[in-house]
C-alpha atoms as a PDB file:
ATOM      1  CA  MET A   1      24.011 -49.392 -29.714  1.00  0.00           C
ATOM      2  CA  THR A   2      25.321 -46.459 -28.216  1.00  0.00           C
ATOM      3  CA  HIS A   3      24.166 -45.901 -24.082  1.00  0.00           C
ATOM      4  CA  THR A   4      24.179 -42.292 -23.038  1.00  0.00           C
ATOM      5  CA  ALA A   5      24.900 -41.886 -19.728  1.00  0.00           C
ATOM      6  CA  ALA A   6      23.164 -39.191 -17.286  1.00  0.00           C
ATOM      7  CA  ALA A   7      25.129 -36.094 -16.434  1.00  0.00           C
ATOM      8  CA  THR A   8      25.304 -35.724 -13.007  1.00  0.00           C
ATOM      9  CA  ASP A   9      24.987 -31.462 -11.429  1.00  0.00           C
ATOM     10  CA  PRO A  10      27.253 -31.735  -8.519  1.00  0.00           C
ATOM     11  CA  GLU A  11      26.201 -30.733  -5.480  1.00  0.00           C
ATOM     12  CA  PRO A  12      26.647 -26.629  -4.670  1.00  0.00           C
ATOM     13  CA  PRO A  13      29.692 -25.595  -2.672  1.00  0.00           C
ATOM     14  CA  ALA A  14      29.083 -25.428   0.761  1.00  0.00           C
ATOM     15  CA  ARG A  15      29.822 -21.499   0.343  1.00  0.00           C
ATOM     16  CA  VAL A  16      26.835 -21.246  -1.689  1.00  0.00           C
ATOM     17  CA  VAL A  17      24.718 -23.273   0.207  1.00  0.00           C
ATOM     18  CA  ARG A  18      25.324 -20.850   3.471  1.00  0.00           C
ATOM     19  CA  SER A  19      24.972 -18.242   1.150  1.00  0.00           C
ATOM     20  CA  GLU A  20      21.468 -19.028  -0.581  1.00  0.00           C
ATOM     21  CA  GLN A  21      20.724 -19.441   2.857  1.00  0.00           C
ATOM     22  CA  LEU A  22      21.916 -16.477   4.106  1.00  0.00           C
ATOM     23  CA  GLY A  23      20.277 -14.171   1.473  1.00  0.00           C
ATOM     24  CA  ARG A  24      16.788 -15.740   2.024  1.00  0.00           C
ATOM     25  CA  ALA A  25      17.317 -15.012   5.425  1.00  0.00           C
ATOM     26  CA  ILE A  26      17.757 -11.412   5.085  1.00  0.00           C
ATOM     27  CA  ARG A  27      14.612 -11.210   2.482  1.00  0.00           C
ATOM     28  CA  ASN A  28      12.631 -12.866   5.205  1.00  0.00           C
ATOM     29  CA  PRO A  29      10.028  -9.574   6.041  1.00  0.00           C
ATOM     30  CA  VAL A  30      10.386 -10.588   9.947  1.00  0.00           C
ATOM     31  CA  ILE A  31      13.931  -9.204   9.030  1.00  0.00           C
ATOM     32  CA  GLY A  32      13.510  -5.935   8.966  1.00  0.00           C
ATOM     33  CA  PRO A  33      11.344  -5.151  11.846  1.00  0.00           C
ATOM     34  CA  LEU A  34      13.663  -7.285  14.272  1.00  0.00           C
ATOM     35  CA  GLY A  35      15.892  -5.037  13.055  1.00  0.00           C
ATOM     36  CA  ALA A  36      14.106  -1.797  13.723  1.00  0.00           C
ATOM     37  CA  LEU A  37      13.013  -3.004  17.344  1.00  0.00           C
ATOM     38  CA  VAL A  38      17.152  -3.762  18.019  1.00  0.00           C
ATOM     39  CA  ILE A  39      18.000  -0.773  16.716  1.00  0.00           C
ATOM     40  CA  ALA A  40      15.688   1.280  19.024  1.00  0.00           C
ATOM     41  CA  VAL A  41      16.359  -0.701  21.843  1.00  0.00           C
ATOM     42  CA  VAL A  42      19.909  -0.270  22.035  1.00  0.00           C
ATOM     43  CA  VAL A  43      19.917   3.522  21.012  1.00  0.00           C
ATOM     44  CA  PHE A  44      17.613   3.945  23.858  1.00  0.00           C
ATOM     45  CA  THR A  45      19.226   1.777  26.380  1.00  0.00           C
ATOM     46  CA  LEU A  46      22.402   4.078  25.442  1.00  0.00           C
ATOM     47  CA  THR A  47      20.821   7.119  25.613  1.00  0.00           C
ATOM     48  CA  THR A  48      18.697   7.277  28.654  1.00  0.00           C
ATOM     49  CA  ASP A  49      19.418   5.558  32.237  1.00  0.00           C
ATOM     50  CA  THR A  50      15.872   4.826  33.058  1.00  0.00           C
ATOM     51  CA  PHE A  51      14.800   2.692  29.682  1.00  0.00           C
ATOM     52  CA  ALA A  52      16.789  -1.144  30.003  1.00  0.00           C
ATOM     53  CA  THR A  53      15.157  -1.252  33.217  1.00  0.00           C
ATOM     54  CA  VAL A  54      12.405  -4.196  34.621  1.00  0.00           C
ATOM     55  CA  GLY A  55      10.045  -1.996  34.881  1.00  0.00           C
ATOM     56  CA  ASN A  56      10.304  -0.090  32.146  1.00  0.00           C
ATOM     57  CA  ALA A  57      10.229  -3.297  30.264  1.00  0.00           C
ATOM     58  CA  SER A  58       7.419  -4.878  32.276  1.00  0.00           C
ATOM     59  CA  LEU A  59       5.415  -1.066  31.408  1.00  0.00           C
ATOM     60  CA  ILE A  60       6.210  -1.161  27.576  1.00  0.00           C
ATOM     61  CA  LEU A  61       4.286  -5.304  26.967  1.00  0.00           C
ATOM     62  CA  GLN A  62       1.359  -3.483  29.164  1.00  0.00           C
ATOM     63  CA  GLN A  63       0.764  -0.623  26.976  1.00  0.00           C
ATOM     64  CA  SER A  64       1.353  -2.620  23.787  1.00  0.00           C
ATOM     65  CA  ILE A  65      -1.657  -4.573  24.349  1.00  0.00           C
ATOM     66  CA  VAL A  66      -4.956  -2.387  23.492  1.00  0.00           C
ATOM     67  CA  ILE A  67      -2.587  -0.843  20.652  1.00  0.00           C
ATOM     68  CA  GLY A  68      -1.600  -5.291  19.184  1.00  0.00           C
ATOM     69  CA  THR A  69      -5.022  -5.629  19.212  1.00  0.00           C
ATOM     70  CA  LEU A  70      -6.217  -3.105  17.637  1.00  0.00           C
ATOM     71  CA  ALA A  71      -3.360  -3.634  14.863  1.00  0.00           C
ATOM     72  CA  LEU A  72      -3.959  -7.030  14.478  1.00  0.00           C
ATOM     73  CA  GLY A  73      -7.124  -6.133  13.431  1.00  0.00           C
ATOM     74  CA  GLN A  74      -5.958  -2.970  11.309  1.00  0.00           C
ATOM     75  CA  THR A  75      -3.801  -5.786   9.744  1.00  0.00           C
ATOM     76  CA  LEU A  76      -7.092  -7.833   8.603  1.00  0.00           C
ATOM     77  CA  ILE A  77      -8.254  -5.024   6.861  1.00  0.00           C
ATOM     78  CA  ILE A  78      -4.854  -3.535   5.400  1.00  0.00           C
ATOM     79  CA  LEU A  79      -3.996  -6.926   3.965  1.00  0.00           C
ATOM     80  CA  THR A  80      -7.171  -6.680   1.649  1.00  0.00           C
ATOM     81  CA  ALA A  81      -5.917  -3.213   0.479  1.00  0.00           C
ATOM     82  CA  GLY A  82      -7.629  -1.253   3.227  1.00  0.00           C
ATOM     83  CA  ILE A  83      -7.649   1.142   5.804  1.00  0.00           C
ATOM     84  CA  ASP A  84      -9.771   1.623   9.000  1.00  0.00           C
ATOM     85  CA  LEU A  85      -8.898   4.944  10.952  1.00  0.00           C
ATOM     86  CA  ALA A  86     -11.917   4.542  13.209  1.00  0.00           C
ATOM     87  CA  ASN A  87     -10.870   1.471  15.177  1.00  0.00           C
ATOM     88  CA  GLY A  88      -9.759   3.465  18.116  1.00  0.00           C
ATOM     89  CA  ALA A  89     -13.254   5.538  18.284  1.00  0.00           C
ATOM     90  CA  ILE A  90     -14.506   2.237  18.112  1.00  0.00           C
ATOM     91  CA  ALA A  91     -13.345   0.753  20.863  1.00  0.00           C
ATOM     92  CA  VAL A  92     -13.872   3.343  23.476  1.00  0.00           C
ATOM     93  CA  LEU A  93     -17.410   3.184  22.505  1.00  0.00           C
ATOM     94  CA  GLY A  94     -17.024  -0.277  23.524  1.00  0.00           C
ATOM     95  CA  THR A  95     -15.536   0.594  26.960  1.00  0.00           C
ATOM     96  CA  ILE A  96     -17.919   3.551  27.190  1.00  0.00           C
ATOM     97  CA  VAL A  97     -21.172   0.662  26.776  1.00  0.00           C
ATOM     98  CA  MET A  98     -19.334  -2.163  29.520  1.00  0.00           C
ATOM     99  CA  ALA A  99     -18.258   0.485  31.485  1.00  0.00           C
ATOM    100  CA  LYS A 100     -21.566   1.972  32.016  1.00  0.00           C
ATOM    101  CA  HIS A 101     -23.994  -0.290  31.551  1.00  0.00           C
ATOM    102  CA  VAL A 102     -22.052  -1.927  35.137  1.00  0.00           C
ATOM    103  CA  VAL A 103     -22.233   1.617  36.657  1.00  0.00           C
ATOM    104  CA  GLY A 104     -25.949   1.537  35.852  1.00  0.00           C
ATOM    105  CA  GLY A 105     -26.179  -1.326  38.048  1.00  0.00           C
ATOM    106  CA  GLY A 106     -26.609  -4.311  35.211  1.00  0.00           C
ATOM    107  CA  ASP A 107     -24.865  -7.543  34.992  1.00  0.00           C
ATOM    108  CA  PRO A 108     -21.316  -7.494  34.192  1.00  0.00           C
ATOM    109  CA  LEU A 109     -21.274 -10.345  31.687  1.00  0.00           C
ATOM    110  CA  THR A 110     -24.049  -8.465  29.718  1.00  0.00           C
ATOM    111  CA  ALA A 111     -22.438  -5.545  29.532  1.00  0.00           C
ATOM    112  CA  LEU A 112     -19.180  -7.259  28.108  1.00  0.00           C
ATOM    113  CA  LEU A 113     -21.101  -8.870  25.485  1.00  0.00           C
ATOM    114  CA  LEU A 114     -23.142  -6.006  24.935  1.00  0.00           C
ATOM    115  CA  GLY A 115     -19.896  -3.691  24.256  1.00  0.00           C
ATOM    116  CA  ILE A 116     -17.849  -6.462  21.908  1.00  0.00           C
ATOM    117  CA  LEU A 117     -21.635  -6.602  20.143  1.00  0.00           C
ATOM    118  CA  ILE A 118     -21.399  -2.880  19.191  1.00  0.00           C
ATOM    119  CA  THR A 119     -17.885  -3.149  17.900  1.00  0.00           C
ATOM    120  CA  VAL A 120     -19.001  -5.960  15.376  1.00  0.00           C
ATOM    121  CA  VAL A 121     -21.872  -4.188  14.583  1.00  0.00           C
ATOM    122  CA  LEU A 122     -20.252  -0.977  13.587  1.00  0.00           C
ATOM    123  CA  GLY A 123     -17.025  -3.175  11.810  1.00  0.00           C
ATOM    124  CA  THR A 124     -19.771  -5.334  10.006  1.00  0.00           C
ATOM    125  CA  ILE A 125     -21.896  -1.593   8.585  1.00  0.00           C
ATOM    126  CA  SER A 126     -17.718  -0.370   7.943  1.00  0.00           C
ATOM    127  CA  GLY A 127     -17.779  -3.603   5.688  1.00  0.00           C
ATOM    128  CA  LEU A 128     -21.060  -3.387   4.235  1.00  0.00           C
ATOM    129  CA  LEU A 129     -20.826  -0.286   2.623  1.00  0.00           C
ATOM    130  CA  VAL A 130     -16.875  -1.125   1.411  1.00  0.00           C
ATOM    131  CA  THR A 131     -18.273  -4.500  -0.081  1.00  0.00           C
ATOM    132  CA  ARG A 132     -22.057  -2.850  -1.309  1.00  0.00           C
ATOM    133  CA  LEU A 133     -21.691   0.145  -2.309  1.00  0.00           C
ATOM    134  CA  GLY A 134     -18.094   0.052  -3.409  1.00  0.00           C
ATOM    135  CA  LEU A 135     -16.926   3.162  -0.975  1.00  0.00           C
ATOM    136  CA  PRO A 136     -13.619   3.567  -0.231  1.00  0.00           C
ATOM    137  CA  PRO A 137     -12.419   2.084   2.629  1.00  0.00           C
ATOM    138  CA  PHE A 138     -10.941   5.445   3.588  1.00  0.00           C
ATOM    139  CA  ILE A 139     -13.850   7.182   3.104  1.00  0.00           C
ATOM    140  CA  VAL A 140     -15.916   5.076   4.813  1.00  0.00           C
ATOM    141  CA  THR A 141     -13.808   4.381   7.890  1.00  0.00           C
ATOM    142  CA  LEU A 142     -13.148   8.456   7.857  1.00  0.00           C
ATOM    143  CA  GLY A 143     -16.242   8.812   8.347  1.00  0.00           C
ATOM    144  CA  MET A 144     -16.830   5.888  10.669  1.00  0.00           C
ATOM    145  CA  LEU A 145     -14.685   7.561  13.206  1.00  0.00           C
ATOM    146  CA  THR A 146     -16.193  10.897  13.040  1.00  0.00           C
ATOM    147  CA  VAL A 147     -19.565   9.034  14.147  1.00  0.00           C
ATOM    148  CA  THR A 148     -18.145   6.797  16.296  1.00  0.00           C
ATOM    149  CA  PHE A 149     -16.387   9.199  18.431  1.00  0.00           C
ATOM    150  CA  ALA A 150     -19.216  11.334  18.884  1.00  0.00           C
ATOM    151  CA  LEU A 151     -21.678   8.980  19.882  1.00  0.00           C
ATOM    152  CA  ALA A 152     -18.888   8.172  22.486  1.00  0.00           C
ATOM    153  CA  ARG A 153     -19.547  11.573  23.873  1.00  0.00           C
ATOM    154  CA  LEU A 154     -22.951  11.024  23.729  1.00  0.00           C
ATOM    155  CA  TYR A 155     -23.582   8.069  25.098  1.00  0.00           C
ATOM    156  CA  ALA A 156     -20.711   9.488  27.285  1.00  0.00           C
ATOM    157  CA  GLU A 157     -22.600  12.532  28.625  1.00  0.00           C
ATOM    158  CA  SER A 158     -18.946  13.323  28.328  1.00  0.00           C
ATOM    159  CA  ARG A 159     -17.611  12.428  31.162  1.00  0.00           C
ATOM    160  CA  SER A 160     -15.505   9.189  32.404  1.00  0.00           C
ATOM    161  CA  TYR A 161     -16.546   5.972  34.491  1.00  0.00           C
ATOM    162  CA  PRO A 162     -14.626   4.304  37.093  1.00  0.00           C
ATOM    163  CA  VAL A 163     -14.351   0.560  36.680  1.00  0.00           C
ATOM    164  CA  GLN A 164     -14.330  -1.310  39.299  1.00  0.00           C
ATOM    165  CA  ASP A 165     -16.369  -5.150  38.252  1.00  0.00           C
ATOM    166  CA  GLY A 166     -13.626  -8.386  38.685  1.00  0.00           C
ATOM    167  CA  LEU A 167     -15.060  -9.089  35.117  1.00  0.00           C
ATOM    168  CA  LEU A 168     -13.687  -6.065  33.281  1.00  0.00           C
ATOM    169  CA  ARG A 169     -10.746  -5.608  34.972  1.00  0.00           C
ATOM    170  CA  PHE A 170      -9.788  -9.196  34.376  1.00  0.00           C
ATOM    171  CA  TRP A 171      -7.243  -8.871  31.723  1.00  0.00           C
ATOM    172  CA  GLY A 172      -5.274  -5.995  33.780  1.00  0.00           C
ATOM    173  CA  ASP A 173      -4.433  -8.762  36.547  1.00  0.00           C
ATOM    174  CA  GLY A 174      -1.311 -11.616  35.934  1.00  0.00           C
ATOM    175  CA  MET A 175       1.993 -12.456  36.988  1.00  0.00           C
ATOM    176  CA  THR A 176       5.452 -11.365  37.827  1.00  0.00           C
ATOM    177  CA  VAL A 177       8.071 -13.041  36.650  1.00  0.00           C
ATOM    178  CA  GLY A 178      12.089 -12.372  37.565  1.00  0.00           C
ATOM    179  CA  GLY A 179      10.713  -8.384  38.709  1.00  0.00           C
ATOM    180  CA  VAL A 180       8.397  -8.489  34.977  1.00  0.00           C
ATOM    181  CA  ARG A 181       5.083  -7.740  35.373  1.00  0.00           C
ATOM    182  CA  ILE A 182       3.061 -10.215  33.059  1.00  0.00           C
ATOM    183  CA  THR A 183      -0.696  -9.195  32.910  1.00  0.00           C
ATOM    184  CA  TRP A 184      -3.658 -11.559  31.498  1.00  0.00           C
ATOM    185  CA  GLY A 185      -3.986  -9.577  28.651  1.00  0.00           C
ATOM    186  CA  THR A 186      -0.372 -10.093  27.470  1.00  0.00           C
ATOM    187  CA  PHE A 187      -1.194 -14.264  26.833  1.00  0.00           C
ATOM    188  CA  LEU A 188      -4.402 -13.108  25.136  1.00  0.00           C
ATOM    189  CA  LEU A 189      -2.938 -11.000  22.727  1.00  0.00           C
ATOM    190  CA  LEU A 190      -0.072 -13.539  21.788  1.00  0.00           C
ATOM    191  CA  GLY A 191      -2.828 -16.101  21.327  1.00  0.00           C
ATOM    192  CA  ILE A 192      -5.104 -14.440  19.326  1.00  0.00           C
ATOM    193  CA  PHE A 193      -2.251 -13.476  17.528  1.00  0.00           C
ATOM    194  CA  ALA A 194      -1.525 -16.887  16.865  1.00  0.00           C
ATOM    195  CA  VAL A 195      -5.399 -17.670  15.903  1.00  0.00           C
ATOM    196  CA  PHE A 196      -4.894 -15.209  13.266  1.00  0.00           C
ATOM    197  CA  TRP A 197      -1.989 -16.202  12.492  1.00  0.00           C
ATOM    198  CA  PHE A 198      -2.637 -20.372  11.525  1.00  0.00           C
ATOM    199  CA  ALA A 199      -5.805 -18.091   9.720  1.00  0.00           C
ATOM    200  CA  LEU A 200      -3.590 -16.212   7.340  1.00  0.00           C
ATOM    201  CA  SER A 201      -1.008 -19.164   6.576  1.00  0.00           C
ATOM    202  CA  ARG A 202      -3.047 -22.435   6.992  1.00  0.00           C
ATOM    203  CA  THR A 203      -6.869 -21.758   5.953  1.00  0.00           C
ATOM    204  CA  ALA A 204      -8.647 -21.317   2.943  1.00  0.00           C
ATOM    205  CA  TRP A 205      -9.752 -18.434   3.971  1.00  0.00           C
ATOM    206  CA  GLY A 206      -6.010 -16.693   4.865  1.00  0.00           C
ATOM    207  CA  ARG A 207      -5.047 -17.628   0.734  1.00  0.00           C
ATOM    208  CA  HIS A 208      -8.141 -15.610   0.204  1.00  0.00           C
ATOM    209  CA  VAL A 209      -7.728 -12.501   1.962  1.00  0.00           C
ATOM    210  CA  TYR A 210      -4.368 -12.666   0.624  1.00  0.00           C
ATOM    211  CA  ALA A 211      -5.671 -12.928  -3.121  1.00  0.00           C
ATOM    212  CA  VAL A 212      -8.369 -10.571  -2.612  1.00  0.00           C
ATOM    213  CA  GLY A 213      -5.450  -7.948  -1.415  1.00  0.00           C
ATOM    214  CA  ASN A 214      -2.671  -8.576  -4.149  1.00  0.00           C
ATOM    215  CA  ALA A 215      -5.117  -8.950  -7.448  1.00  0.00           C
ATOM    216  CA  PRO A 216      -9.398  -8.661  -6.159  1.00  0.00           C
ATOM    217  CA  GLU A 217     -10.621  -8.889 -10.133  1.00  0.00           C
ATOM    218  CA  ALA A 218      -8.292 -12.049 -10.277  1.00  0.00           C
ATOM    219  CA  ALA A 219      -9.818 -13.562  -7.020  1.00  0.00           C
ATOM    220  CA  ARG A 220     -12.532 -12.815  -8.533  1.00  0.00           C
ATOM    221  CA  LEU A 221     -12.310 -14.797 -11.585  1.00  0.00           C
ATOM    222  CA  THR A 222     -10.530 -17.901  -9.480  1.00  0.00           C
ATOM    223  CA  GLY A 223     -13.931 -18.442  -8.211  1.00  0.00           C
ATOM    224  CA  ILE A 224     -13.411 -16.389  -4.571  1.00  0.00           C
ATOM    225  CA  LYS A 225     -15.865 -14.681  -2.908  1.00  0.00           C
ATOM    226  CA  THR A 226     -14.120 -11.324  -2.978  1.00  0.00           C
ATOM    227  CA  SER A 227     -16.884  -9.332  -1.481  1.00  0.00           C
ATOM    228  CA  ARG A 228     -17.330 -12.166   1.143  1.00  0.00           C
ATOM    229  CA  THR A 229     -14.000 -12.061   1.818  1.00  0.00           C
ATOM    230  CA  VAL A 230     -13.530  -8.467   2.798  1.00  0.00           C
ATOM    231  CA  LEU A 231     -17.031  -8.424   5.251  1.00  0.00           C
ATOM    232  CA  SER A 232     -15.702 -11.081   6.888  1.00  0.00           C
ATOM    233  CA  VAL A 233     -12.279  -9.354   7.197  1.00  0.00           C
ATOM    234  CA  TYR A 234     -14.182  -6.199   8.925  1.00  0.00           C
ATOM    235  CA  VAL A 235     -16.353  -7.956  11.217  1.00  0.00           C
ATOM    236  CA  ALA A 236     -13.365  -9.995  12.458  1.00  0.00           C
ATOM    237  CA  ALA A 237     -11.572  -6.735  12.734  1.00  0.00           C
ATOM    238  CA  GLY A 238     -15.078  -5.482  15.208  1.00  0.00           C
ATOM    239  CA  ALA A 239     -14.372  -8.315  17.311  1.00  0.00           C
ATOM    240  CA  LEU A 240     -11.038  -7.674  17.798  1.00  0.00           C
ATOM    241  CA  TYR A 241     -11.606  -4.046  18.306  1.00  0.00           C
ATOM    242  CA  GLY A 242     -14.051  -5.129  20.913  1.00  0.00           C
ATOM    243  CA  LEU A 243     -11.330  -7.281  23.022  1.00  0.00           C
ATOM    244  CA  ALA A 244      -9.482  -4.161  22.775  1.00  0.00           C
ATOM    245  CA  ALA A 245     -11.864  -2.314  24.740  1.00  0.00           C
ATOM    246  CA  TRP A 246     -12.330  -4.904  27.005  1.00  0.00           C
ATOM    247  CA  GLN A 247      -8.595  -4.982  27.286  1.00  0.00           C
ATOM    248  CA  ALA A 248      -8.335  -1.300  27.929  1.00  0.00           C
ATOM    249  CA  LEU A 249     -10.565  -1.730  30.479  1.00  0.00           C
ATOM    250  CA  GLY A 250      -8.280  -3.679  32.509  1.00  0.00           C
ATOM    251  CA  ARG A 251      -5.037  -1.597  31.880  1.00  0.00           C
ATOM    252  CA  ILE A 252      -7.239   1.787  32.858  1.00  0.00           C
ATOM    253  CA  PRO A 253      -9.956   0.740  34.860  1.00  0.00           C
ATOM    254  CA  ASN A 254     -11.615   3.706  33.776  1.00  0.00           C
ATOM    255  CA  ALA A 255     -13.970   4.136  30.315  1.00  0.00           C
ATOM    256  CA  ASP A 256     -12.869   7.642  29.064  1.00  0.00           C
ATOM    257  CA  PRO A 257     -14.634   9.107  25.871  1.00  0.00           C
ATOM    258  CA  ASN A 258     -11.538  10.965  25.334  1.00  0.00           C
ATOM    259  CA  ALA A 259      -9.089   8.010  25.429  1.00  0.00           C
ATOM    260  CA  TYR A 260      -7.312   6.590  22.425  1.00  0.00           C
ATOM    261  CA  GLN A 261      -7.179   9.456  20.351  1.00  0.00           C
ATOM    262  CA  MET A 262      -4.039   8.400  18.387  1.00  0.00           C
ATOM    263  CA  ALA A 263      -4.713   4.774  18.019  1.00  0.00           C
ATOM    264  CA  ASN A 264      -5.761   4.675  14.683  1.00  0.00           C
ATOM    265  CA  LEU A 265      -2.290   6.031  13.946  1.00  0.00           C
ATOM    266  CA  ASP A 266      -0.308   4.086  16.495  1.00  0.00           C
ATOM    267  CA  SER A 267      -2.152   0.824  14.970  1.00  0.00           C
ATOM    268  CA  ILE A 268      -1.316   1.975  11.356  1.00  0.00           C
ATOM    269  CA  THR A 269       2.495   2.879  12.485  1.00  0.00           C
ATOM    270  CA  ALA A 270       2.868  -0.696  14.233  1.00  0.00           C
ATOM    271  CA  VAL A 271       1.196  -2.256  10.367  1.00  0.00           C
ATOM    272  CA  VAL A 272       3.572  -0.574   8.375  1.00  0.00           C
ATOM    273  CA  ILE A 273       6.278  -0.930  10.521  1.00  0.00           C
ATOM    274  CA  GLY A 274       5.720  -4.711  10.843  1.00  0.00           C
ATOM    275  CA  GLY A 275       6.025  -5.127   6.779  1.00  0.00           C
ATOM    276  CA  THR A 276       2.548  -5.131   5.658  1.00  0.00           C
ATOM    277  CA  SER A 277       2.194  -3.267   2.777  1.00  0.00           C
ATOM    278  CA  LEU A 278      -0.494  -1.090   2.665  1.00  0.00           C
ATOM    279  CA  PHE A 279      -1.075  -1.567  -0.984  1.00  0.00           C
ATOM    280  CA  GLY A 280      -2.265  -5.084   0.199  1.00  0.00           C
ATOM    281  CA  GLY A 281      -2.020  -8.502  -0.372  1.00  0.00           C
ATOM    282  CA  ARG A 282       1.425  -8.831   1.454  1.00  0.00           C
ATOM    283  CA  GLY A 283       2.704  -8.871   5.306  1.00  0.00           C
ATOM    284  CA  SER A 284       2.051 -11.227   8.681  1.00  0.00           C
ATOM    285  CA  VAL A 285       0.757 -10.682  11.548  1.00  0.00           C
ATOM    286  CA  VAL A 286       4.381 -11.688  13.337  1.00  0.00           C
ATOM    287  CA  GLY A 287       5.952  -8.407  11.906  1.00  0.00           C
ATOM    288  CA  THR A 288       2.918  -7.010  13.269  1.00  0.00           C
ATOM    289  CA  LEU A 289       3.639  -7.624  16.464  1.00  0.00           C
ATOM    290  CA  ILE A 290       6.956  -6.931  16.384  1.00  0.00           C
ATOM    291  CA  GLY A 291       5.855  -3.454  14.677  1.00  0.00           C
ATOM    292  CA  THR A 292       3.522  -3.507  18.041  1.00  0.00           C
ATOM    293  CA  LEU A 293       6.400  -3.813  20.113  1.00  0.00           C
ATOM    294  CA  VAL A 294       8.410  -0.892  18.330  1.00  0.00           C
ATOM    295  CA  VAL A 295       5.726   1.666  18.706  1.00  0.00           C
ATOM    296  CA  GLY A 296       5.706   0.639  22.591  1.00  0.00           C
ATOM    297  CA  VAL A 297       9.680   1.652  22.676  1.00  0.00           C
ATOM    298  CA  LEU A 298       9.897   4.427  20.472  1.00  0.00           C
ATOM    299  CA  ARG A 299       7.056   6.109  22.983  1.00  0.00           C
ATOM    300  CA  SER A 300       8.544   5.020  25.918  1.00  0.00           C
ATOM    301  CA  GLY A 301      11.875   5.615  24.944  1.00  0.00           C
ATOM    302  CA  LEU A 302      11.172   9.403  23.911  1.00  0.00           C
ATOM    303  CA  THR A 303       9.627  10.060  26.972  1.00  0.00           C
ATOM    304  CA  GLN A 304      11.748   8.830  28.919  1.00  0.00           C
ATOM    305  CA  ALA A 305      14.436  11.605  26.958  1.00  0.00           C
ATOM    306  CA  GLY A 306      12.232  13.985  28.011  1.00  0.00           C
ATOM    307  CA  ILE A 307      10.837  14.750  23.740  1.00  0.00           C
ATOM    308  CA  ASP A 308       7.012  16.175  24.278  1.00  0.00           C
ATOM    309  CA  ASN A 309       4.321  14.210  23.276  1.00  0.00           C
ATOM    310  CA  LEU A 310       3.905  16.716  20.307  1.00  0.00           C
ATOM    311  CA  TYR A 311       6.831  15.903  18.887  1.00  0.00           C
ATOM    312  CA  GLN A 312       6.634  11.829  19.324  1.00  0.00           C
ATOM    313  CA  ASP A 313       3.495  12.157  17.365  1.00  0.00           C
ATOM    314  CA  VAL A 314       5.162  13.847  14.633  1.00  0.00           C
ATOM    315  CA  ALA A 315       8.273  11.094  15.156  1.00  0.00           C
ATOM    316  CA  THR A 316       5.542   8.592  14.234  1.00  0.00           C
ATOM    317  CA  GLY A 317       3.895  10.364  11.623  1.00  0.00           C
ATOM    318  CA  VAL A 318       7.272  10.439   9.753  1.00  0.00           C
ATOM    319  CA  LEU A 319       7.904   6.895  10.712  1.00  0.00           C
ATOM    320  CA  VAL A 320       4.954   6.107   8.826  1.00  0.00           C
ATOM    321  CA  ILE A 321       6.162   7.956   5.687  1.00  0.00           C
ATOM    322  CA  VAL A 322       9.275   6.699   5.639  1.00  0.00           C
ATOM    323  CA  ALA A 323       7.760   2.960   5.998  1.00  0.00           C
ATOM    324  CA  VAL A 324       4.961   3.342   3.258  1.00  0.00           C
ATOM    325  CA  SER A 325       7.638   4.797   1.055  1.00  0.00           C
ATOM    326  CA  LEU A 326      10.166   1.816   1.275  1.00  0.00           C
ATOM    327  CA  ASP A 327       7.488  -0.761   0.651  1.00  0.00           C
ATOM    328  CA  GLN A 328       6.733   1.938  -2.192  1.00  0.00           C
ATOM    329  CA  VAL A 329       9.974   1.552  -3.877  1.00  0.00           C
ATOM    330  CA  SER A 330      10.480  -2.704  -2.969  1.00  0.00           C
ATOM    331  CA  ARG A 331       6.937  -3.214  -4.669  1.00  0.00           C
ATOM    332  CA  ARG A 332       8.267  -0.770  -8.028  1.00  0.00           C
ATOM    333  CA  ARG A 333      11.812  -2.844  -7.546  1.00  0.00           C
ATOM    334  CA  ALA A 334      10.020  -6.254  -7.438  1.00  0.00           C
ATOM    335  CA  ALA A 335       7.631  -5.002 -10.801  1.00  0.00           C
ATOM    336  CA  ARG A 336      10.589  -5.004 -12.879  1.00  0.00           C
END
């Protein structure tokens, strides 16, 4: 009778464990955007005299609220391998509907609900065109951008509407902590990011969104209703654009049909810098939040450095191209 002793593998040395932990930390998709944010803050702190101030930090936070909410909706759509070029224009139309209704003597709550309803309807139309007719998201939202921008100008009669109502301006109010002005809109932004972080990472709907973006045919074969999932993403994004419109009236209590013309590019930049792949199926809302701050820091730093707005747009466009290129290289390496 023979006895075979079970061999036990020796525990790896502490140095190896630490190396593996460091490797996992470096591969965390949030590390890249966070590093970019730190580098941008350091560079502008060293090159300008006014960047690293309490007042400027407060201003960056306030300016990031609307773009951050738009970027969250953009993230949902990009995760399904789509894109939304009309998000800024949809939000602007929402502000016009809200403000004009109140200026005309309407009830503020009704105005708010009408504005959000309009943005949800437009998001739903885009989703139906993508899912029911099979049109490319780029073409659908490019057309929606043109239509919505024209509708905003027509409905506004090419003029702006000042907003005095407290409900519509609510998210612009807030408190001061350590000299930093923090608006209620900041808390709303963090709240909706938390909600969608949970939805994407802890629910079946979130798993379906990632699956559809990563491999739609494989997702369909596993029983996921891909069209319904994509449509739900566009509806949710439309609701977020309505919240962004409400936040915009708190930020600047004036509904202007020509506002936020670069919001679509800024939101895409925030999403891509945040590590979400334009090819779908990979990314996180945490990365988008950090990417939003990177965009805010970049805009603020370049302005204080005396860089013309047109050159800022050039820098933003280049940043998008670089981020997408890096994502493509990463995907090719992962496929080998």
